[in-house]
Amino acid sequence: MPYFTEEQIMIRDLARRIAREKIVPVREHYDRTGDFPWDIVDEIRNADLFGVFIPEEFGGFGGGITEMAIVTEELSWACGGISLGFAASGLGTMPILLSGSDEQKAKFLPQIATGEKLTAFALTEPNAGSDAGGIKTTAVRDGDSYILNGTKQWITNGGEAKIYTVIALTNPSRGARGASAFIVEDGAEGFCYGKKEDKMGIRASATRELIFENCRIPAENLIGREGMGFMVAMATLDKSRPGVAAQAVGIAQGALDAAVDYAREREQFGKPIIANQGLQWMLADMATKVESARAFVYDVANRIDRGERDVSKLSAMAKLYASDIAMTVTTDAVQVFGGYGYMREYPVEKMMRDAKITQIYEGTNQIQRDVIGKALIREAAKKRE
């Protein structure tokens, strides 16, 4: 992107090198086994990339959402699943960055910035997906502790992360307004993990249940105040959705590059198939869609980093648009490959599987449209005032 700073270009090039040299050779292995890619996490850690969005005072680079998006896009170019070791940790860190106390930031952020500990964000439950206000996990004050009970489902980095930001009800009678946010550390009394999910895509990413059975955590692990949990969660998603969008852009770019390379090499009727105008136009449309999605994503990330407050609509738009583009482009890439595109020997069928989740998690694209539509209604009402 033309407006990247020298530091951001350095971050991009470093993440790009890891993607091409370290992730590409092993992505098929991790997709097949579903193992968590700790060797790649170590590469990201050794490159100091986990700290790109952490303030300098806590051992980070001092960047923001833009830097997080840059790393996520580059890693996702190689593998959308492996990239989540980094990206989901950013999501789990966001509540602490946005609403944590000075003491919480000083305790947890340095460990996150160095990559010593991964994080995860726990909002979704078996009966509370798109309806985030329907959570049932509770947190009851008991002296200088809180006691958590409930189950979180489909938690990315679950079982691998050491720090979890968890949304639970401290006042169930108030519904969503009775939710609070907490930091729960791996090994806490009464905290364990459920099954690891066997997924269609992003198979290199760990997705597990979190189970709280009279889980006792220090009262000081409350983020903000009681009753702020839903606000913390929504603010987190507003800031993190450009990260999902960047993942989608990376997957789409990887599929486009693979399709172009294949079309230049594959010969039919005595010439490379890219010589066919119909295929050139198809690739041209794919490239245009990817570039437009990328421009949108980094514009929204830049707005967030500049301190624009009401970014909910734009953040939802970026996630919606980029993920739909990723699904379209990866599907078209499979078509360019023809029968070979359907085979696991080639990477585009995996990219197509990985792209699908970007339309689902951190709010389905139907929910994004709902967010956008409601924002338009509010804006129209203000204009009439």
Protein backbone atom coordinates (compact mmCIF):
# COMPACT_ATOMS: atom_id res chain seq x y z
CA MET A 1 0.00 0.00 0.00
CA PRO A 2 1.40 3.44 -0.91
CA TYR A 3 0.78 5.03 2.49
CA PHE A 4 2.61 2.43 4.56
CA THR A 5 5.42 3.90 6.65
CA GLU A 6 8.95 2.53 6.48
CA GLU A 7 8.33 0.68 9.74
CA GLN A 8 5.12 -0.87 8.42
CA ILE A 9 6.88 -1.97 5.23
CA MET A 10 9.57 -3.59 7.38
CA ILE A 11 6.87 -5.44 9.35
CA ARG A 12 5.19 -6.52 6.11
CA ASP A 13 8.42 -7.82 4.60
CA LEU A 14 9.29 -9.73 7.76
CA ALA A 15 5.87 -11.39 7.92
CA ARG A 16 6.02 -12.06 4.18
CA ARG A 17 9.36 -13.87 4.55
CA ILE A 18 7.97 -16.09 7.31
CA ALA A 19 4.91 -16.86 5.17
CA ARG A 20 6.89 -17.87 2.11
CA GLU A 21 9.90 -19.55 3.69
CA LYS A 22 8.39 -21.17 6.78
CA ILE A 23 4.62 -21.59 6.34
CA VAL A 24 4.26 -22.63 2.69
CA PRO A 25 6.41 -25.79 3.11
CA VAL A 26 4.35 -27.05 6.07
CA ARG A 27 0.82 -25.79 5.41
CA GLU A 28 -0.36 -29.01 3.79
CA HIS A 29 0.97 -31.02 6.73
CA TYR A 30 -0.88 -28.95 9.30
CA ASP A 31 -4.06 -28.92 7.22
CA ARG A 32 -4.04 -32.70 7.12
CA THR A 33 -3.09 -33.35 10.77
CA GLY A 34 -4.92 -30.48 12.44
CA ASP A 35 -1.96 -30.07 14.80
CA PHE A 36 -1.25 -26.65 16.26
CA PRO A 37 1.78 -25.09 14.47
CA TRP A 38 3.99 -24.24 17.42
CA ASP A 39 7.09 -24.17 15.22
CA ILE A 40 5.58 -21.30 13.21
CA VAL A 41 4.42 -19.55 16.39
CA ASP A 42 8.07 -19.69 17.47
CA GLU A 43 9.11 -18.07 14.18
CA ILE A 44 6.58 -15.26 14.68
CA ARG A 45 7.71 -14.89 18.29
CA ASN A 46 11.41 -14.75 17.36
CA ALA A 47 10.63 -12.04 14.79
CA ASP A 48 8.96 -9.95 17.56
CA LEU A 49 5.74 -9.73 15.54
CA PHE A 50 3.41 -10.49 18.45
CA GLY A 51 4.17 -7.05 19.81
CA VAL A 52 3.38 -4.97 16.72
CA PHE A 53 0.05 -3.76 18.15
CA ILE A 54 1.20 -3.50 21.80
CA PRO A 55 2.25 -0.08 23.22
CA GLU A 56 5.98 0.46 23.62
CA GLU A 57 5.65 0.97 27.39
CA PHE A 58 4.58 -2.67 27.66
CA GLY A 59 7.34 -4.06 25.45
CA GLY A 60 5.61 -3.78 22.09
CA PHE A 61 6.28 -2.01 18.81
CA GLY A 62 3.72 0.70 19.48
CA GLY A 63 1.58 0.08 16.41
CA GLY A 64 -2.14 -0.54 16.14
CA ILE A 65 -4.80 -2.24 14.08
CA THR A 66 -2.99 -1.45 10.83
CA GLU A 67 0.12 -3.33 11.94
CA MET A 68 -1.97 -6.24 13.17
CA ALA A 69 -3.75 -6.35 9.80
CA ILE A 70 -0.46 -6.25 7.88
CA VAL A 71 0.94 -9.29 9.69
CA THR A 72 -2.38 -11.14 9.49
CA GLU A 73 -2.69 -10.57 5.74
CA GLU A 74 0.84 -11.72 4.97
CA LEU A 75 0.63 -14.88 7.10
CA SER A 76 -2.84 -15.67 5.70
CA TRP A 77 -1.47 -15.47 2.15
CA ALA A 78 0.28 -18.74 2.98
CA CYS A 79 -2.26 -20.29 5.36
CA GLY A 80 -5.42 -18.87 6.90
CA GLY A 81 -5.32 -21.44 9.68
CA ILE A 82 -1.73 -20.97 10.76
CA SER A 83 -2.17 -17.19 10.74
CA LEU A 84 -4.72 -17.47 13.53
CA GLY A 85 -2.08 -18.27 16.13
CA PHE A 86 -1.19 -14.60 15.72
CA ALA A 87 -4.53 -13.06 14.74
CA ALA A 88 -6.66 -14.72 17.43
CA SER A 89 -4.12 -13.67 20.02
CA GLY A 90 -4.69 -10.10 18.87
CA LEU A 91 -8.44 -10.57 19.36
CA GLY A 92 -7.94 -11.96 22.85
CA THR A 93 -5.66 -9.07 23.77
CA MET A 94 -8.04 -6.34 22.59
CA PRO A 95 -10.24 -6.20 25.74
CA ILE A 96 -7.15 -5.67 27.89
CA LEU A 97 -5.81 -3.00 25.54
CA LEU A 98 -9.13 -1.16 25.35
CA SER A 99 -10.50 -1.48 28.88
CA GLY A 100 -7.90 -3.08 31.12
CA SER A 101 -6.54 -1.33 34.20
CA ASP A 102 -2.97 -0.07 34.36
CA GLU A 103 -2.15 -3.00 36.62
CA GLN A 104 -3.69 -5.53 34.23
CA LYS A 105 -1.84 -4.05 31.27
CA ALA A 106 1.47 -4.05 33.16
CA LYS A 107 0.97 -7.69 34.19
CA PHE A 108 -0.28 -9.26 30.96
CA LEU A 109 0.74 -7.17 27.94
CA PRO A 110 4.53 -7.73 28.22
CA GLN A 111 3.95 -11.51 28.14
CA ILE A 112 1.73 -11.11 25.09
CA ALA A 113 4.11 -8.71 23.32
CA THR A 114 6.99 -11.18 23.49
CA GLY A 115 4.80 -14.08 22.37
CA GLU A 116 5.52 -15.85 25.64
CA LYS A 117 1.78 -16.40 26.05
CA LEU A 118 -0.98 -16.57 23.45
CA THR A 119 -4.41 -15.16 24.21
CA ALA A 120 -7.98 -15.96 23.19
CA PHE A 121 -11.36 -14.23 23.32
CA ALA A 122 -14.30 -16.18 24.77
CA LEU A 123 -17.77 -14.85 24.00
CA THR A 124 -19.58 -17.56 21.99
CA GLU A 125 -21.56 -20.28 23.77
CA PRO A 126 -23.58 -23.31 22.61
CA ASN A 127 -26.77 -21.19 22.62
CA ALA A 128 -25.24 -17.75 22.10
CA GLY A 129 -23.58 -17.25 18.73
CA SER A 130 -25.00 -14.42 16.68
CA ASP A 131 -27.16 -13.56 19.69
CA ALA A 132 -24.23 -12.56 21.88
CA GLY A 133 -26.66 -11.17 24.44
CA GLY A 134 -27.89 -14.71 25.13
CA ILE A 135 -24.84 -15.86 27.07
CA LYS A 136 -25.43 -18.04 30.16
CA THR A 137 -21.96 -18.29 31.74
CA THR A 138 -22.09 -16.64 35.16
CA ALA A 139 -19.56 -14.97 37.47
CA VAL A 140 -20.51 -14.59 41.13
CA ARG A 141 -18.49 -12.42 43.52
CA ASP A 142 -17.13 -14.35 46.50
CA GLY A 143 -14.96 -12.17 48.71
CA ASP A 144 -11.83 -11.28 46.79
CA SER A 145 -12.67 -13.74 44.01
CA TYR A 146 -15.22 -14.44 41.30
CA ILE A 147 -16.65 -17.93 40.69
CA LEU A 148 -17.33 -18.72 37.03
CA ASN A 149 -19.68 -21.43 35.77
CA GLY A 150 -20.56 -22.20 32.17
CA THR A 151 -19.20 -23.29 28.80
CA LYS A 152 -17.73 -21.30 25.93
CA GLN A 153 -17.76 -22.87 22.47
CA TRP A 154 -15.64 -22.62 19.29
CA ILE A 155 -12.89 -20.59 20.95
CA THR A 156 -9.98 -19.97 18.59
CA ASN A 157 -6.60 -20.70 20.25
CA GLY A 158 -8.55 -22.62 22.90
CA GLY A 159 -6.30 -24.98 24.82
CA GLU A 160 -3.14 -23.40 23.37
CA ALA A 161 -3.54 -19.88 24.78
CA LYS A 162 -2.55 -19.13 28.36
CA ILE A 163 -4.62 -15.95 28.78
CA TYR A 164 -8.37 -15.76 28.06
CA THR A 165 -10.67 -12.76 28.05
CA VAL A 166 -14.08 -14.12 29.01
CA ILE A 167 -17.54 -12.53 28.97
CA ALA A 168 -19.80 -13.76 31.79
CA LEU A 169 -22.97 -12.59 33.56
CA THR A 170 -22.52 -10.96 36.95
CA ASN A 171 -26.18 -9.91 37.06
CA PRO A 172 -28.26 -12.33 34.94
CA SER A 173 -31.49 -10.43 35.65
CA ARG A 174 -30.20 -7.54 33.53
CA GLY A 175 -29.43 -9.64 30.45
CA ALA A 176 -26.68 -8.19 28.28
CA ARG A 177 -26.38 -5.20 30.63
CA GLY A 178 -25.46 -7.61 33.39
CA ALA A 179 -22.43 -9.02 31.56
CA SER A 180 -18.86 -8.40 32.67
CA ALA A 181 -15.43 -9.13 31.20
CA PHE A 182 -12.73 -11.12 32.96
CA ILE A 183 -9.18 -12.33 32.47
CA VAL A 184 -8.85 -16.06 33.11
CA GLU A 185 -5.44 -17.71 33.08
CA ASP A 186 -4.71 -21.26 32.02
CA GLY A 187 -4.46 -23.47 35.07
CA ALA A 188 -7.06 -21.57 37.11
CA GLU A 189 -8.92 -23.73 39.59
CA GLY A 190 -12.06 -25.17 37.98
CA PHE A 191 -11.05 -24.27 34.40
CA CYS A 192 -10.57 -27.01 31.80
CA TYR A 193 -10.91 -27.63 28.07
CA GLY A 194 -13.47 -29.60 26.12
CA LYS A 195 -13.09 -31.31 22.78
CA LYS A 196 -10.96 -29.94 19.97
CA GLU A 197 -13.20 -29.38 16.94
CA ASP A 198 -12.60 -31.20 13.64
CA LYS A 199 -13.17 -28.42 11.11
CA MET A 200 -13.69 -28.06 7.37
CA GLY A 201 -11.07 -25.31 7.08
CA ILE A 202 -8.50 -23.40 9.15
CA ARG A 203 -7.52 -26.83 10.41
CA ALA A 204 -4.13 -25.67 11.69
CA SER A 205 -5.97 -23.48 14.19
CA ALA A 206 -7.08 -24.91 17.53
CA THR A 207 -10.82 -24.52 18.24
CA ARG A 208 -12.00 -25.83 21.62
CA GLU A 209 -14.62 -25.57 24.32
CA LEU A 210 -13.74 -23.77 27.55
CA ILE A 211 -15.42 -25.28 30.60
CA PHE A 212 -15.80 -23.41 33.89
CA GLU A 213 -16.91 -25.44 36.90
CA ASN A 214 -16.73 -23.30 40.01
CA CYS A 215 -13.70 -21.66 38.45
CA ARG A 216 -12.15 -19.27 40.96
CA ILE A 217 -10.29 -16.20 39.69
CA PRO A 218 -9.04 -13.09 41.52
CA ALA A 219 -11.50 -10.18 41.66
CA GLU A 220 -8.70 -8.01 40.28
CA ASN A 221 -9.12 -9.88 36.98
CA LEU A 222 -12.39 -8.05 36.31
CA ILE A 223 -11.88 -5.83 33.23
CA GLY A 224 -13.37 -2.40 33.83
CA ARG A 225 -16.48 -2.52 36.01
CA GLU A 226 -19.30 -4.98 36.46
CA GLY A 227 -21.90 -4.56 33.74
CA MET A 228 -19.38 -3.36 31.14
CA GLY A 229 -18.85 -6.77 29.55
CA PHE A 230 -21.11 -6.39 26.56
CA MET A 231 -19.66 -2.94 25.81
CA VAL A 232 -16.14 -4.38 26.07
CA ALA A 233 -17.08 -7.22 23.71
CA MET A 234 -18.67 -4.96 21.11
CA ALA A 235 -15.77 -2.46 21.24
CA THR A 236 -13.39 -5.40 20.82
CA LEU A 237 -15.21 -6.67 17.73
CA ASP A 238 -15.38 -3.18 16.22
CA LYS A 239 -11.59 -2.96 16.47
CA SER A 240 -10.79 -6.57 15.54
CA ARG A 241 -13.02 -7.11 12.50
CA PRO A 242 -10.50 -5.44 10.17
CA GLY A 243 -8.19 -8.26 11.28
CA VAL A 244 -10.63 -10.87 9.96
CA ALA A 245 -10.95 -8.78 6.81
CA ALA A 246 -7.16 -8.75 6.45
CA GLN A 247 -7.12 -12.53 6.84
CA ALA A 248 -9.70 -12.75 4.05
CA VAL A 249 -7.62 -10.48 1.81
CA GLY A 250 -4.52 -12.58 2.45
CA ILE A 251 -6.31 -15.82 1.58
CA ALA A 252 -7.76 -14.24 -1.57
CA GLN A 253 -4.37 -12.88 -2.67
CA GLY A 254 -2.80 -16.28 -2.14
CA ALA A 255 -5.47 -17.91 -4.30
CA LEU A 256 -5.12 -15.26 -7.00
CA ASP A 257 -1.34 -15.66 -7.15
CA ALA A 258 -1.66 -19.44 -7.35
CA ALA A 259 -4.24 -19.12 -10.15
CA VAL A 260 -2.08 -16.75 -12.20
CA ASP A 261 0.98 -18.97 -11.83
CA TYR A 262 -0.98 -22.05 -12.81
CA ALA A 263 -2.58 -20.31 -15.81
CA ARG A 264 0.87 -19.30 -17.10
CA GLU A 265 2.21 -22.85 -16.82
CA ARG A 266 -0.79 -24.97 -17.85
CA GLU A 267 -1.00 -25.55 -21.60
CA GLN A 268 -4.06 -26.55 -23.60
CA PHE A 269 -4.35 -26.60 -27.39
CA GLY A 270 -0.67 -25.71 -27.69
CA LYS A 271 -0.62 -22.53 -25.61
CA PRO A 272 -0.78 -21.45 -21.95
CA ILE A 273 -4.38 -21.13 -20.80
CA ILE A 274 -3.71 -17.56 -19.67
CA ALA A 275 -3.56 -16.63 -23.36
CA ASN A 276 -7.33 -17.09 -23.50
CA GLN A 277 -9.07 -13.74 -23.19
CA GLY A 278 -11.93 -15.20 -21.18
CA LEU A 279 -9.52 -16.45 -18.52
CA GLN A 280 -7.58 -13.16 -18.53
CA TRP A 281 -10.82 -11.31 -17.83
CA MET A 282 -11.66 -13.71 -15.03
CA LEU A 283 -8.25 -13.14 -13.42
CA ALA A 284 -8.59 -9.40 -13.96
CA ASP A 285 -11.89 -9.38 -12.07
CA MET A 286 -10.36 -11.44 -9.26
CA ALA A 287 -7.40 -9.05 -8.97
CA THR A 288 -9.63 -5.98 -8.97
CA LYS A 289 -11.79 -7.42 -6.20
CA VAL A 290 -8.78 -8.27 -4.05
CA GLU A 291 -7.24 -4.83 -4.48
CA SER A 292 -10.50 -3.04 -3.66
CA ALA A 293 -10.96 -5.16 -0.54
CA ARG A 294 -7.39 -4.44 0.56
CA ALA A 295 -7.84 -0.69 0.12
CA PHE A 296 -11.05 -0.78 2.15
CA VAL A 297 -9.52 -2.83 4.96
CA TYR A 298 -6.51 -0.58 5.45
CA ASP A 299 -8.61 2.56 5.22
CA VAL A 300 -10.78 1.32 8.09
CA ALA A 301 -7.74 0.17 10.09
CA ASN A 302 -6.15 3.57 9.60
CA ARG A 303 -9.32 5.32 10.75
CA ILE A 304 -9.32 3.25 13.94
CA ASP A 305 -5.65 4.01 14.58
CA ARG A 306 -6.31 7.73 14.05
CA GLY A 307 -8.83 7.59 16.85
CA GLU A 308 -12.12 7.79 14.98
CA ARG A 309 -14.72 6.73 17.52
CA ASP A 310 -17.76 5.52 15.58
CA VAL A 311 -16.23 2.80 13.44
CA SER A 312 -18.79 0.06 13.97
CA LYS A 313 -20.44 0.42 10.56
CA LEU A 314 -17.19 0.67 8.61
CA SER A 315 -15.61 -2.20 10.51
CA ALA A 316 -18.62 -4.39 9.73
CA MET A 317 -18.47 -3.31 6.07
CA ALA A 318 -14.78 -4.22 5.80
CA LYS A 319 -15.32 -7.66 7.30
CA LEU A 320 -18.42 -8.27 5.16
CA TYR A 321 -16.88 -7.11 1.89
CA ALA A 322 -13.45 -8.72 2.25
CA SER A 323 -14.81 -12.10 3.35
CA ASP A 324 -17.33 -12.22 0.50
CA ILE A 325 -14.50 -11.34 -1.90
CA ALA A 326 -12.33 -14.09 -0.41
CA MET A 327 -15.05 -16.68 -0.98
CA THR A 328 -15.60 -15.50 -4.57
CA VAL A 329 -11.92 -15.33 -5.48
CA THR A 330 -10.98 -18.70 -3.97
CA THR A 331 -13.94 -20.34 -5.72
CA ASP A 332 -12.83 -18.79 -9.01
CA ALA A 333 -9.26 -19.95 -8.36
CA VAL A 334 -10.47 -23.53 -8.05
CA GLN A 335 -12.25 -23.05 -11.39
CA VAL A 336 -9.05 -21.78 -13.03
CA PHE A 337 -7.28 -24.95 -11.92
CA GLY A 338 -10.11 -27.08 -13.27
CA GLY A 339 -10.02 -30.68 -12.04
CA TYR A 340 -6.64 -30.11 -10.40
CA GLY A 341 -8.17 -27.37 -8.26
CA TYR A 342 -10.40 -29.94 -6.60
CA MET A 343 -7.42 -32.06 -5.55
CA ARG A 344 -5.57 -31.69 -2.27
CA GLU A 345 -2.28 -31.82 -4.14
CA TYR A 346 -2.90 -28.17 -5.05
CA PRO A 347 -3.44 -25.38 -2.48
CA VAL A 348 -6.54 -23.65 -3.81
CA GLU A 349 -9.09 -26.16 -2.49
CA LYS A 350 -7.66 -25.52 0.98
CA MET A 351 -7.84 -21.76 0.44
CA MET A 352 -11.49 -22.11 -0.53
CA ARG A 353 -12.19 -24.07 2.67
CA ASP A 354 -10.28 -21.55 4.76
CA ALA A 355 -12.05 -18.58 3.18
CA LYS A 356 -15.49 -19.78 4.24
CA ILE A 357 -14.95 -19.20 7.95
CA THR A 358 -14.23 -15.52 7.37
CA GLN A 359 -17.90 -15.12 6.44
CA ILE A 360 -18.94 -16.75 9.72
CA TYR A 361 -16.82 -15.94 12.76
CA GLU A 362 -16.65 -12.65 14.64
CA GLY A 363 -20.24 -12.19 13.53
CA THR A 364 -21.75 -13.83 10.45
CA ASN A 365 -22.05 -11.66 7.38
CA GLN A 366 -25.80 -11.54 7.95
CA ILE A 367 -25.08 -9.96 11.35
CA GLN A 368 -22.67 -7.52 9.68
CA ARG A 369 -25.45 -6.44 7.35
CA ASP A 370 -27.69 -5.98 10.36
CA VAL A 371 -25.07 -3.77 12.03
CA ILE A 372 -24.68 -1.73 8.86
CA GLY A 373 -28.42 -1.40 8.31
CA LYS A 374 -29.07 -0.19 11.86
CA ALA A 375 -26.24 2.31 11.54
CA LEU A 376 -27.79 3.69 8.36
CA ILE A 377 -31.13 4.10 10.15
CA ARG A 378 -29.46 6.00 13.01
CA GLU A 379 -27.57 8.23 10.60
CA ALA A 380 -30.74 9.02 8.65
CA ALA A 381 -32.57 9.89 11.88
CA LYS A 382 -29.79 12.31 12.90
CA LYS A 383 -29.98 14.08 9.56
CA ARG A 384 -33.66 14.83 10.18
CA GLU A 385 -32.96 16.38 13.59
